[in-house]
Amino acid sequence: MSEQLNISSTVAKLLAVWRRRKWLAVLSFAAVFATGATITSVLPEIYQSAATVLVVGQQVPVDFVRTTVTGTVDTRLQTISQEILSRSRLEELINKFNLYQSAKTTLPADALVQRMRHDIEVKQTGFDRTGGMVAFSIKFQGRDPNTVANVVNTLASYYIDENMKVRERQAMGTAEFLRVQLADVKAKLEKQERNVSEFKRRNLGELPAQLDANLATLERLNTQFKLNGEKQLRAREQRQEMAKLAETLANLKPIPVRSTPNTRQSTPTTASVATNPLALKLARLKQELADLRTRYTDRHPDIIQLKSDIAVLERELAEMKRQEPPAPPVDTVAAKPKEEPVAPGPSAEAQQMDQALSQLDVEAKSLKEEEAELRKAMAVYQAKVDNTPRRDLEFHELSRDYDSTRELYRTLLKRYEEAQLSENLEQRQKGEQFRILENAVAATSPSAPNRLRLFVMSLVGAAGLAVGLVLLAEQLDNSFHSIDELRAATTFPVLVSIPRIVTDTERRRRWWRIPLATAATVGGLLLIVGVSYYVAAGNEQLLRLVAPARF
């Protein structure tokens, strides 16, 4: 029962408030709803079109040609977007398609460019298994659907062309950079090659690679030096023997030698054989050959040379024997007795001994000169061997720089060839490309505004404002509207309640006040609708305020 009384009391209060504030609520509701409905009705229509661009991978396998264009597709897309959405490009599009005609007279060029940037949307729409982008969409919104579609297709072509230019420019830049670096390294390499060649020419014979050859030559010279000493020793011994033989022959007396008619002297005497220089030299060479064979094989150079010298001497002795006069034939008839020849005297043999001694002296002198030459050659090669460690260090430092430069040159050359292939790949448009998968078409229905939603929002807003104004007015009103309110506010007893007395004058005044209020209300509403229509008609900025999200 008490609850019903409370509900009835609440309803009664609300009805009382409505009777007091109904015109405030109705007028505020009508003004707000009329404004919202007018703006919703006359807001311009915005159309949107979109194009889908597909990212086509490299047409030549990467195993055959490696591209020099680095970076992910999304990174390159952001770079291309910055280029295409630049002020110069957007101003070109605004002038080409005659965009934002109504705003050109009121907004500066920078504001128009900024508005167009807001109207363009580039969004990634396709991804592969690794998360890489394989497709993206380009959207644009505007007043005319055909113009919007043309703008979107133009932007898509800009992205395709700019992607090709960026890739080709990067490939050409990489190839040009490597070409310059390769030329610099090549010049440095050629200079180091000249330094290495000059070092080898200047230090010929002292290089580490020639150490084994120098040691072998030095060993051979040492062997020759020892052989030379042995030859000199044998030559001195032969000379001493020859000198003793010459002294013995000098003390001999001449011995007559008779020859019979039937005989002739067929062989030389022992003295003549002993004093033959060629025979002595041949015997000495054979003795040397026998000594060398005890230490070396027959392929040793010295043994081969001695064999050649022995062969020459043997041919010379054979030629001398052939040139001797033949012996006269034996005649059985008694020949006329000839005079008995006398054997050569000691003076002739001494002369031959002197010649042999002279030859031995010449040979000894030659051996001395050979010894001096061997000492000089040994000193030269010993100096080369001693200088080899220092030359090795110098050559190692020089070669280290040369090897590193040569390796760098080979690496740059390989990369330059790859860069040239990549440049050719991009010029032939065989690399990664953008291709339009779906062209933009003219929209058949506007994408904004959503008039139904705006009507609902206007209705809710008007009702909420009316209720709020009524509540505010009640809160600000300090007067008492009933005896209960007065009793609740004071402790004094209420003696009597006098109803409102309406006179005829007040009735006539109210009768005139109602038409005037109605006319004022209608005029105000018409004024509100007119102002709203003037403000909202074709106002894209207002549309962006009431629908700020991208549509």
Protein backbone atom coordinates (compact mmCIF):
# COMPACT_ATOMS: atom_id res chain seq x y z
CA MET A 1 0.00 0.00 0.00
CA SER A 2 2.77 2.39 0.87
CA GLU A 3 4.57 1.55 -2.36
CA GLN A 4 1.48 2.39 -4.40
CA LEU A 5 1.20 5.68 -2.55
CA ASN A 6 4.86 6.43 -3.32
CA ILE A 7 4.37 5.63 -7.01
CA SER A 8 1.28 7.78 -7.18
CA SER A 9 3.10 10.61 -5.44
CA THR A 10 6.02 10.34 -7.90
CA VAL A 11 3.71 10.35 -10.91
CA ALA A 12 1.87 13.30 -9.51
CA LYS A 13 5.13 15.20 -9.06
CA LEU A 14 6.22 14.38 -12.63
CA LEU A 15 2.89 15.53 -13.99
CA ALA A 16 3.18 18.71 -12.01
CA VAL A 17 6.70 19.27 -13.36
CA TRP A 18 5.48 18.59 -16.89
CA ARG A 19 2.67 21.10 -16.49
CA ARG A 20 5.07 23.72 -15.29
CA ARG A 21 7.99 22.99 -17.73
CA LYS A 22 6.29 21.49 -20.76
CA TRP A 23 6.97 24.45 -23.02
CA LEU A 24 10.66 24.50 -22.03
CA ALA A 25 10.95 20.81 -22.82
CA VAL A 26 9.02 21.04 -26.08
CA LEU A 27 10.90 24.06 -27.37
CA SER A 28 14.36 22.72 -26.47
CA PHE A 29 13.53 19.33 -27.97
CA ALA A 30 12.17 20.87 -31.15
CA ALA A 31 15.14 23.20 -31.58
CA VAL A 32 17.76 20.49 -31.12
CA PHE A 33 15.94 17.88 -33.20
CA ALA A 34 15.26 20.36 -36.00
CA THR A 35 18.91 21.33 -36.07
CA GLY A 36 20.12 17.71 -36.09
CA ALA A 37 17.58 16.58 -38.66
CA THR A 38 18.37 19.48 -40.97
CA ILE A 39 22.11 18.94 -40.75
CA THR A 40 21.69 15.20 -41.28
CA SER A 41 19.52 15.79 -44.33
CA VAL A 42 21.74 18.30 -46.10
CA LEU A 43 25.22 16.96 -45.27
CA PRO A 44 27.18 16.18 -48.49
CA GLU A 45 27.58 12.59 -49.59
CA ILE A 46 31.06 11.09 -49.61
CA TYR A 47 32.02 8.21 -51.90
CA GLN A 48 34.95 5.84 -51.46
CA SER A 49 36.84 3.59 -53.90
CA ALA A 50 39.66 1.14 -53.35
CA ALA A 51 42.26 -0.65 -55.48
CA THR A 52 44.23 -3.75 -54.51
CA VAL A 53 47.90 -3.99 -55.47
CA LEU A 54 49.66 -7.37 -55.48
CA VAL A 55 53.37 -7.77 -54.68
CA VAL A 56 54.84 -10.07 -57.35
CA GLY A 57 58.11 -11.78 -56.41
CA GLN A 58 61.29 -11.91 -58.48
CA GLN A 59 60.72 -13.78 -61.75
CA VAL A 60 64.31 -15.09 -62.00
CA PRO A 61 65.29 -17.60 -59.27
CA VAL A 62 67.36 -16.06 -56.51
CA ASP A 63 69.91 -18.90 -56.84
CA PHE A 64 70.86 -17.57 -60.29
CA VAL A 65 70.62 -13.79 -59.75
CA ARG A 66 70.71 -12.16 -56.34
CA THR A 67 69.12 -8.74 -56.19
CA THR A 68 70.94 -5.84 -54.54
CA VAL A 69 67.66 -4.17 -53.52
CA THR A 70 67.47 -4.79 -49.80
CA GLY A 71 64.79 -4.10 -47.23
CA THR A 72 61.35 -5.55 -46.65
CA VAL A 73 58.35 -4.73 -48.80
CA ASP A 74 56.52 -2.86 -46.05
CA THR A 75 59.55 -0.67 -45.41
CA ARG A 76 59.86 0.11 -49.11
CA LEU A 77 56.09 0.76 -49.23
CA GLN A 78 56.41 3.36 -46.49
CA THR A 79 59.25 5.03 -48.38
CA ILE A 80 57.22 5.09 -51.60
CA SER A 81 54.21 6.46 -49.70
CA GLN A 82 56.28 9.35 -48.39
CA GLU A 83 57.31 10.12 -51.96
CA ILE A 84 53.84 9.87 -53.47
CA LEU A 85 52.09 11.74 -50.64
CA SER A 86 54.50 14.63 -50.93
CA ARG A 87 53.13 18.12 -51.45
CA SER A 88 54.12 18.37 -55.10
CA ARG A 89 52.48 15.07 -56.05
CA LEU A 90 49.24 15.82 -54.18
CA GLU A 91 48.99 19.35 -55.59
CA GLU A 92 49.41 17.83 -59.04
CA LEU A 93 46.52 15.42 -58.36
CA ILE A 94 44.31 18.20 -56.91
CA ASN A 95 44.82 20.33 -60.02
CA LYS A 96 44.52 17.42 -62.42
CA PHE A 97 41.18 16.13 -61.08
CA ASN A 98 39.91 19.51 -59.86
CA LEU A 99 39.43 18.31 -56.30
CA TYR A 100 38.03 20.31 -53.34
CA GLN A 101 36.48 23.03 -55.47
CA SER A 102 34.33 24.35 -52.64
CA ALA A 103 37.27 24.59 -50.25
CA LYS A 104 39.81 26.17 -52.58
CA THR A 105 38.43 29.63 -51.98
CA THR A 106 38.54 29.34 -48.19
CA LEU A 107 41.47 27.05 -47.41
CA PRO A 108 45.17 27.52 -48.24
CA ALA A 109 47.09 25.04 -50.38
CA ASP A 110 48.73 23.37 -47.37
CA ALA A 111 45.33 22.69 -45.80
CA LEU A 112 44.08 21.14 -49.05
CA VAL A 113 47.14 18.90 -49.23
CA GLN A 114 46.66 17.87 -45.62
CA ARG A 115 42.99 17.10 -46.29
CA MET A 116 43.91 14.92 -49.26
CA ARG A 117 46.46 13.05 -47.14
CA HIS A 118 43.65 12.38 -44.69
CA ASP A 119 41.39 11.13 -47.48
CA ILE A 120 44.02 8.65 -48.76
CA GLU A 121 44.55 5.38 -46.94
CA VAL A 122 47.22 2.78 -47.75
CA LYS A 123 46.72 -0.42 -45.81
CA GLN A 124 48.41 -3.82 -45.89
CA THR A 125 45.85 -6.51 -46.69
CA GLY A 126 47.74 -9.72 -47.50
CA PHE A 127 50.54 -11.61 -45.72
CA ASP A 128 52.43 -14.81 -46.38
CA ARG A 129 53.32 -17.52 -43.88
CA THR A 130 56.42 -15.68 -42.71
CA GLY A 131 54.51 -12.46 -42.10
CA GLY A 132 55.74 -10.71 -45.23
CA MET A 133 53.36 -8.45 -47.09
CA VAL A 134 52.00 -9.78 -50.39
CA ALA A 135 49.22 -7.24 -51.09
CA PHE A 136 48.02 -3.80 -50.03
CA SER A 137 45.02 -1.59 -50.76
CA ILE A 138 44.76 2.08 -51.72
CA LYS A 139 41.59 3.97 -50.73
CA PHE A 140 40.36 7.50 -51.41
CA GLN A 141 37.14 9.35 -50.58
CA GLY A 142 35.54 12.32 -52.24
CA ARG A 143 32.35 13.93 -53.50
CA ASP A 144 32.25 12.51 -57.06
CA PRO A 145 32.41 8.68 -57.37
CA ASN A 146 33.98 8.68 -60.86
CA THR A 147 36.64 11.16 -59.85
CA VAL A 148 37.38 9.15 -56.71
CA ALA A 149 37.87 5.96 -58.75
CA ASN A 150 40.18 7.77 -61.20
CA VAL A 151 42.23 9.19 -58.33
CA VAL A 152 42.64 5.74 -56.77
CA ASN A 153 43.75 4.17 -60.07
CA THR A 154 46.19 7.02 -60.62
CA LEU A 155 47.63 6.52 -57.14
CA ALA A 156 47.99 2.78 -57.80
CA SER A 157 49.89 3.50 -61.03
CA TYR A 158 52.08 5.94 -59.07
CA TYR A 159 52.95 3.19 -56.59
CA ILE A 160 53.82 0.75 -59.40
CA ASP A 161 56.01 3.27 -61.25
CA GLU A 162 57.66 4.55 -58.10
CA ASN A 163 58.47 1.02 -56.94
CA MET A 164 60.19 0.30 -60.27
CA LYS A 165 62.12 3.58 -60.08
CA VAL A 166 63.16 2.99 -56.47
CA ARG A 167 64.41 -0.53 -57.20
CA GLU A 168 66.18 0.50 -60.39
CA ARG A 169 67.70 3.54 -58.69
CA GLN A 170 68.94 1.44 -55.78
CA ALA A 171 70.36 -1.22 -58.11
CA MET A 172 72.11 1.41 -60.25
CA GLY A 173 73.40 3.20 -57.17
CA THR A 174 74.80 -0.04 -55.78
CA ALA A 175 76.48 -0.90 -59.10
CA GLU A 176 77.92 2.60 -59.42
CA PHE A 177 79.22 2.57 -55.86
CA LEU A 178 80.88 -0.81 -56.39
CA ARG A 179 82.33 0.38 -59.71
CA VAL A 180 83.97 3.38 -58.04
CA GLN A 181 85.24 1.25 -55.18
CA LEU A 182 86.51 -1.36 -57.64
CA ALA A 183 88.39 1.29 -59.63
CA ASP A 184 90.03 2.64 -56.45
CA VAL A 185 91.01 -0.83 -55.25
CA LYS A 186 92.28 -1.74 -58.72
CA ALA A 187 94.51 1.33 -58.81
CA LYS A 188 95.79 0.47 -55.33
CA LEU A 189 96.35 -3.14 -56.38
CA GLU A 190 98.29 -2.11 -59.48
CA LYS A 191 100.47 0.17 -57.38
CA GLN A 192 101.16 -2.65 -54.93
CA GLU A 193 101.90 -5.02 -57.82
CA ARG A 194 104.46 -2.55 -59.12
CA ASN A 195 105.96 -2.31 -55.64
CA VAL A 196 106.17 -6.09 -55.38
CA SER A 197 107.71 -6.39 -58.85
CA GLU A 198 110.19 -3.64 -58.07
CA PHE A 199 111.06 -5.33 -54.77
CA LYS A 200 111.63 -8.66 -56.55
CA ARG A 201 113.73 -7.01 -59.24
CA ARG A 202 115.76 -5.04 -56.72
CA ASN A 203 116.31 -8.03 -54.42
CA LEU A 204 116.62 -10.73 -57.05
CA GLY A 205 118.34 -13.77 -55.57
CA GLU A 206 117.59 -12.80 -51.94
CA LEU A 207 113.91 -13.72 -51.91
CA PRO A 208 112.63 -16.50 -49.63
CA ALA A 209 111.55 -18.58 -52.62
CA GLN A 210 115.13 -18.61 -53.87
CA LEU A 211 116.70 -19.68 -50.59
CA ASP A 212 116.85 -23.39 -51.51
CA ALA A 213 118.36 -22.58 -54.90
CA ASN A 214 120.91 -20.28 -53.25
CA LEU A 215 121.85 -22.94 -50.71
CA ALA A 216 122.20 -25.53 -53.47
CA THR A 217 124.35 -23.17 -55.52
CA LEU A 218 126.44 -22.32 -52.47
CA GLU A 219 126.95 -26.03 -51.78
CA ARG A 220 127.92 -26.60 -55.38
CA LEU A 221 130.38 -23.69 -55.21
CA ASN A 222 131.85 -25.13 -52.01
CA THR A 223 132.30 -28.47 -53.76
CA GLN A 224 133.94 -26.77 -56.73
CA PHE A 225 136.12 -24.81 -54.34
CA LYS A 226 137.28 -28.05 -52.70
CA LEU A 227 137.88 -29.63 -56.09
CA ASN A 228 139.81 -26.58 -57.15
CA GLY A 229 142.02 -26.92 -54.10
CA GLU A 230 142.59 -30.60 -54.87
CA LYS A 231 143.39 -29.72 -58.48
CA GLN A 232 145.90 -27.12 -57.36
CA LEU A 233 147.47 -29.64 -54.97
CA ARG A 234 147.79 -32.25 -57.74
CA ALA A 235 149.10 -29.61 -60.14
CA ARG A 236 151.82 -28.67 -57.64
CA GLU A 237 152.71 -32.31 -57.17
CA GLN A 238 152.89 -32.86 -60.94
CA ARG A 239 155.04 -29.81 -61.33
CA GLN A 240 157.41 -31.02 -58.67
CA GLU A 241 157.62 -34.40 -60.38
CA MET A 242 158.06 -32.70 -63.76
CA ALA A 243 160.79 -30.51 -62.32
CA LYS A 244 162.63 -33.56 -60.96
CA LEU A 245 162.28 -35.32 -64.32
CA ALA A 246 163.58 -32.26 -66.11
CA GLU A 247 166.60 -32.16 -63.78
CA THR A 248 167.25 -35.86 -64.43
CA LEU A 249 167.04 -35.42 -68.20
CA ALA A 250 169.35 -32.45 -68.01
CA ASN A 251 172.06 -34.72 -66.46
CA LEU A 252 171.71 -37.48 -69.16
CA LYS A 253 174.27 -37.79 -71.98
CA PRO A 254 173.26 -38.22 -75.60
CA ILE A 255 172.91 -41.93 -76.62
CA PRO A 256 173.31 -42.74 -80.31
CA VAL A 257 170.66 -44.95 -81.74
CA ARG A 258 171.41 -47.01 -84.82
CA SER A 259 168.79 -48.28 -87.13
CA THR A 260 169.21 -51.25 -89.42
CA PRO A 261 168.00 -51.22 -92.95
CA ASN A 262 165.20 -53.67 -92.20
CA THR A 263 163.91 -51.97 -89.02
CA ARG A 264 162.48 -48.62 -88.04
CA GLN A 265 161.70 -46.81 -84.81
CA SER A 266 157.98 -47.59 -84.27
CA THR A 267 157.40 -46.11 -80.83
CA PRO A 268 158.66 -43.06 -79.10
CA THR A 269 161.19 -43.35 -76.36
CA THR A 270 160.27 -43.31 -72.73
CA ALA A 271 161.59 -39.79 -72.39
CA SER A 272 159.52 -38.54 -75.35
CA VAL A 273 156.33 -40.13 -73.91
CA ALA A 274 157.04 -38.74 -70.51
CA THR A 275 157.59 -35.27 -71.94
CA ASN A 276 154.43 -35.24 -74.11
CA PRO A 277 152.23 -32.51 -72.55
CA LEU A 278 148.97 -33.94 -73.89
CA ALA A 279 149.78 -37.37 -72.51
CA LEU A 280 150.64 -35.87 -69.15
CA LYS A 281 147.43 -33.83 -69.09
CA LEU A 282 145.39 -36.89 -70.11
CA ALA A 283 146.91 -38.93 -67.32
CA ARG A 284 146.20 -36.16 -64.83
CA LEU A 285 142.55 -35.86 -65.97
CA LYS A 286 142.04 -39.60 -65.73
CA GLN A 287 143.46 -39.51 -62.21
CA GLU A 288 141.01 -36.71 -61.29
CA LEU A 289 138.16 -38.70 -62.83
CA ALA A 290 139.05 -41.70 -60.75
CA ASP A 291 139.13 -39.54 -57.60
CA LEU A 292 135.72 -37.96 -58.35
CA ARG A 293 134.10 -41.33 -59.02
CA THR A 294 134.94 -42.35 -55.49
CA ARG A 295 132.66 -39.53 -54.20
CA TYR A 296 130.04 -38.88 -56.90
CA THR A 297 128.07 -40.69 -59.54
CA ASP A 298 128.63 -40.45 -63.27
CA ARG A 299 125.81 -37.90 -63.56
CA HIS A 300 127.69 -35.32 -61.50
CA PRO A 301 128.48 -32.17 -63.58
CA ASP A 302 132.20 -32.28 -62.78
CA ILE A 303 132.49 -35.93 -63.84
CA ILE A 304 130.62 -35.20 -67.06
CA GLN A 305 132.94 -32.27 -67.76
CA LEU A 306 136.06 -34.38 -67.09
CA LYS A 307 134.82 -37.11 -69.40
CA SER A 308 134.35 -34.52 -72.12
CA ASP A 309 137.87 -33.11 -71.59
CA ILE A 310 139.38 -36.64 -71.63
CA ALA A 311 137.58 -37.46 -74.87
CA VAL A 312 138.93 -34.26 -76.48
CA LEU A 313 142.51 -35.05 -75.41
CA GLU A 314 142.24 -38.62 -76.66
CA ARG A 315 141.09 -37.37 -80.05
CA GLU A 316 144.01 -34.92 -80.16
CA LEU A 317 146.54 -37.69 -79.31
CA ALA A 318 145.01 -39.96 -81.95
CA GLU A 319 145.30 -37.17 -84.51
CA MET A 320 148.94 -36.65 -83.62
CA LYS A 321 149.67 -40.37 -84.14
CA ARG A 322 148.00 -40.34 -87.54
CA GLN A 323 150.17 -37.38 -88.60
CA GLU A 324 153.50 -39.25 -87.87
CA PRO A 325 155.37 -40.39 -91.06
CA PRO A 326 154.87 -44.10 -91.89
CA ALA A 327 157.78 -46.50 -91.49
CA PRO A 328 159.64 -47.43 -94.74
CA PRO A 329 158.92 -50.94 -96.12
CA VAL A 330 161.35 -53.72 -95.35
CA ASP A 331 163.54 -54.42 -98.44
CA THR A 332 165.11 -57.87 -98.71
CA VAL A 333 167.72 -56.46 -101.06
CA ALA A 334 170.65 -55.08 -99.28
CA ALA A 335 170.13 -51.45 -98.96
CA LYS A 336 172.58 -48.83 -98.90
CA PRO A 337 173.80 -48.37 -95.42
CA LYS A 338 172.47 -45.20 -93.89
CA GLU A 339 173.98 -42.95 -91.47
CA GLU A 340 173.21 -43.73 -87.90
CA PRO A 341 170.85 -41.10 -86.45
CA VAL A 342 171.57 -39.76 -83.11
CA ALA A 343 168.81 -39.59 -80.46
CA PRO A 344 167.75 -36.18 -79.38
CA GLY A 345 170.08 -34.72 -76.91
CA PRO A 346 169.29 -33.51 -73.45
CA SER A 347 168.78 -29.95 -74.72
CA ALA A 348 165.70 -30.88 -76.85
CA GLU A 349 164.14 -32.87 -74.03
CA ALA A 350 164.81 -30.04 -71.62
CA GLN A 351 163.03 -27.71 -74.02
CA GLN A 352 160.00 -30.00 -74.06
CA MET A 353 160.09 -30.18 -70.28
CA ASP A 354 160.12 -26.39 -70.12
CA GLN A 355 157.06 -26.30 -72.33
CA ALA A 356 155.29 -28.82 -70.09
CA LEU A 357 156.24 -26.84 -67.02
CA SER A 358 154.94 -23.67 -68.67
CA GLN A 359 151.65 -25.38 -69.36
CA LEU A 360 151.44 -26.53 -65.76
CA ASP A 361 152.15 -22.99 -64.62
CA VAL A 362 149.39 -21.68 -66.89
CA GLU A 363 147.02 -24.30 -65.55
CA ALA A 364 147.97 -23.43 -61.96
CA LYS A 365 147.34 -19.77 -62.70
CA SER A 366 143.98 -20.64 -64.21
CA LEU A 367 143.12 -22.64 -61.11
CA LYS A 368 144.10 -19.67 -58.97
CA GLU A 369 141.86 -17.39 -61.00
CA GLU A 370 139.06 -19.95 -60.78
CA GLU A 371 139.57 -20.06 -57.02
CA ALA A 372 139.24 -16.28 -56.82
CA GLU A 373 136.07 -16.38 -58.92
CA LEU A 374 134.67 -19.14 -56.73
CA ARG A 375 135.45 -17.14 -53.58
CA LYS A 376 133.74 -14.11 -55.06
CA ALA A 377 130.68 -16.13 -56.13
CA MET A 378 130.55 -17.84 -52.75
CA ALA A 379 130.63 -14.44 -51.02
CA VAL A 380 127.81 -13.18 -53.22
CA TYR A 381 125.59 -16.20 -52.57
CA GLN A 382 126.48 -16.21 -48.89
CA ALA A 383 125.38 -12.58 -48.69
CA LYS A 384 122.13 -13.53 -50.43
CA VAL A 385 121.53 -16.31 -47.94
CA ASP A 386 122.35 -14.00 -45.02
CA ASN A 387 119.96 -11.31 -46.35
CA THR A 388 117.12 -13.77 -46.95
CA PRO A 389 115.54 -13.47 -43.44
CA ARG A 390 115.42 -9.69 -43.67
CA ARG A 391 114.09 -9.83 -47.23
CA ASP A 392 111.59 -12.44 -46.05
CA LEU A 393 110.23 -10.04 -43.43
CA GLU A 394 110.07 -7.16 -45.88
CA PHE A 395 108.47 -9.31 -48.55
CA HIS A 396 105.98 -10.72 -46.03
CA GLU A 397 104.84 -7.23 -45.03
CA LEU A 398 104.62 -6.19 -48.67
CA SER A 399 102.83 -9.38 -49.68
CA ARG A 400 100.39 -9.17 -46.78
CA ASP A 401 99.07 -5.81 -47.96
CA TYR A 402 99.09 -7.03 -51.55
CA ASP A 403 97.21 -10.24 -50.70
CA SER A 404 94.56 -8.42 -48.68
CA THR A 405 94.09 -5.87 -51.46
CA ARG A 406 93.90 -8.62 -54.08
CA GLU A 407 91.31 -10.50 -52.01
CA LEU A 408 89.33 -7.29 -51.58
CA TYR A 409 89.53 -6.70 -55.33
CA ARG A 410 88.26 -10.20 -56.07
CA THR A 411 85.38 -9.76 -53.61
CA LEU A 412 84.44 -6.36 -55.04
CA LEU A 413 84.70 -7.69 -58.59
CA LYS A 414 82.33 -10.54 -57.75
CA ARG A 415 79.90 -8.22 -56.05
CA TYR A 416 80.13 -5.73 -58.92
CA GLU A 417 79.25 -8.46 -61.40
CA GLU A 418 76.29 -9.45 -59.20
CA ALA A 419 75.25 -5.79 -59.00
CA GLN A 420 75.38 -5.52 -62.79
CA LEU A 421 73.16 -8.59 -63.09
CA SER A 422 70.78 -7.12 -60.54
CA GLU A 423 70.72 -3.81 -62.41
CA ASN A 424 69.96 -5.62 -65.65
CA LEU A 425 67.27 -7.58 -63.83
CA GLU A 426 65.56 -4.41 -62.64
CA GLN A 427 65.88 -2.70 -66.03
CA ARG A 428 64.18 -5.66 -67.69
CA GLN A 429 61.50 -5.56 -64.96
CA LYS A 430 62.19 -9.12 -63.85
CA GLY A 431 62.60 -8.23 -60.19
CA GLU A 432 60.01 -7.79 -57.49
CA GLN A 433 57.11 -5.68 -58.81
CA PHE A 434 53.76 -4.21 -57.84
CA ARG A 435 50.82 -5.27 -60.01
CA ILE A 436 47.21 -4.04 -59.80
CA LEU A 437 45.06 -6.96 -58.77
CA GLU A 438 41.75 -5.07 -58.62
CA ASN A 439 41.18 -1.68 -60.22
CA ALA A 440 39.06 0.92 -58.43
CA VAL A 441 35.51 1.31 -59.70
CA ALA A 442 33.02 4.10 -59.10
CA ALA A 443 30.97 3.55 -55.94
CA THR A 444 27.20 3.21 -56.38
CA SER A 445 26.31 4.30 -52.83
CA PRO A 446 27.90 6.84 -50.53
CA SER A 447 30.04 5.70 -47.67
CA ALA A 448 29.08 8.68 -45.53
CA PRO A 449 27.14 10.11 -43.84
CA ASN A 450 25.11 7.43 -42.09
CA ARG A 451 21.89 9.43 -41.99
CA LEU A 452 19.86 6.94 -39.98
CA ARG A 453 22.44 6.91 -37.24
CA LEU A 454 22.62 10.70 -37.26
CA PHE A 455 18.79 10.95 -37.03
CA VAL A 456 18.76 8.63 -34.05
CA MET A 457 21.57 10.56 -32.45
CA SER A 458 19.69 13.84 -33.03
CA LEU A 459 16.51 12.41 -31.49
CA VAL A 460 18.32 11.06 -28.45
CA GLY A 461 20.29 14.23 -28.05
CA ALA A 462 17.22 16.45 -28.26
CA ALA A 463 15.33 14.35 -25.70
CA GLY A 464 18.29 14.31 -23.36
CA LEU A 465 18.74 18.07 -23.63
CA ALA A 466 15.05 18.69 -22.92
CA VAL A 467 15.11 16.50 -19.83
CA GLY A 468 18.32 18.13 -18.68
CA LEU A 469 16.92 21.65 -19.06
CA VAL A 470 13.76 20.72 -17.15
CA LEU A 471 15.80 19.26 -14.31
CA LEU A 472 18.06 22.28 -14.27
CA ALA A 473 15.09 24.62 -14.19
CA GLU A 474 13.56 22.72 -11.29
CA GLN A 475 16.79 22.87 -9.39
CA LEU A 476 17.07 26.61 -9.89
CA ASP A 477 13.41 27.31 -9.01
CA ASN A 478 13.09 28.23 -5.26
CA SER A 479 9.33 28.80 -5.21
CA PHE A 480 6.73 26.54 -3.54
CA HIS A 481 4.23 24.88 -5.83
CA SER A 482 2.16 22.98 -3.22
CA ILE A 483 1.10 23.09 0.47
CA ASP A 484 3.14 19.97 1.12
CA GLU A 485 6.32 21.67 -0.13
CA LEU A 486 5.59 24.64 2.10
CA ARG A 487 4.93 22.47 5.12
CA ALA A 488 8.11 20.52 4.43
CA ALA A 489 10.14 23.70 4.23
CA THR A 490 8.81 25.50 7.37
CA THR A 491 7.65 24.69 10.89
CA PHE A 492 4.87 27.27 10.85
CA PRO A 493 1.38 25.89 10.48
CA VAL A 494 -0.51 26.52 7.23
CA LEU A 495 -3.84 28.19 8.04
CA VAL A 496 -5.47 28.54 4.63
CA SER A 497 -4.78 27.89 0.90
CA ILE A 498 -6.00 30.55 -1.56
CA PRO A 499 -6.38 29.27 -5.19
CA ARG A 500 -5.19 31.29 -8.18
CA ILE A 501 -7.75 33.92 -9.19
CA VAL A 502 -7.79 34.47 -12.98
CA THR A 503 -9.36 37.74 -14.12
CA ASP A 504 -10.86 38.57 -17.49
CA THR A 505 -7.84 40.73 -18.31
CA GLU A 506 -5.51 37.84 -17.74
CA ARG A 507 -7.73 35.60 -19.85
CA ARG A 508 -7.58 38.06 -22.76
CA ARG A 509 -3.81 38.47 -22.33
CA ARG A 510 -3.33 34.67 -22.37
CA TRP A 511 -5.49 34.40 -25.50
CA TRP A 512 -3.19 36.86 -27.31
CA ARG A 513 -0.01 35.35 -25.79
CA ILE A 514 -0.62 31.86 -27.22
CA PRO A 515 -0.64 32.86 -30.93
CA LEU A 516 2.32 35.15 -30.43
CA ALA A 517 4.29 32.41 -28.67
CA THR A 518 3.35 29.95 -31.36
CA ALA A 519 4.43 32.33 -34.11
CA ALA A 520 7.67 33.07 -32.30
CA THR A 521 8.28 29.35 -31.83
CA VAL A 522 7.62 28.59 -35.49
CA GLY A 523 9.78 31.49 -36.59
CA GLY A 524 12.58 30.41 -34.33
CA LEU A 525 12.39 26.88 -35.62
CA LEU A 526 12.43 28.11 -39.20
CA LEU A 527 15.41 30.29 -38.41
CA ILE A 528 17.22 27.35 -36.82
CA VAL A 529 16.46 25.15 -39.82
CA GLY A 530 17.64 27.82 -42.25
CA VAL A 531 20.85 28.46 -40.40
CA SER A 532 21.48 24.72 -40.12
CA TYR A 533 20.85 24.26 -43.83
CA TYR A 534 23.19 27.11 -44.70
CA VAL A 535 25.93 25.76 -42.47
CA ALA A 536 25.64 22.07 -43.34
CA ALA A 537 24.95 22.21 -47.09
CA GLY A 538 28.11 20.88 -48.80
CA ASN A 539 30.17 21.36 -45.63
CA GLU A 540 32.72 18.51 -45.63
CA GLN A 541 34.43 19.90 -42.57
CA LEU A 542 31.21 19.56 -40.59
CA LEU A 543 30.85 16.04 -41.91
CA ARG A 544 34.33 15.24 -40.62
CA LEU A 545 33.30 16.62 -37.21
CA VAL A 546 30.13 14.59 -36.89
CA ALA A 547 31.78 11.48 -38.42
CA PRO A 548 35.48 11.78 -37.55
CA ALA A 549 36.32 8.15 -38.21
CA ARG A 550 37.67 7.09 -41.62
CA PHE A 551 34.80 5.78 -43.74
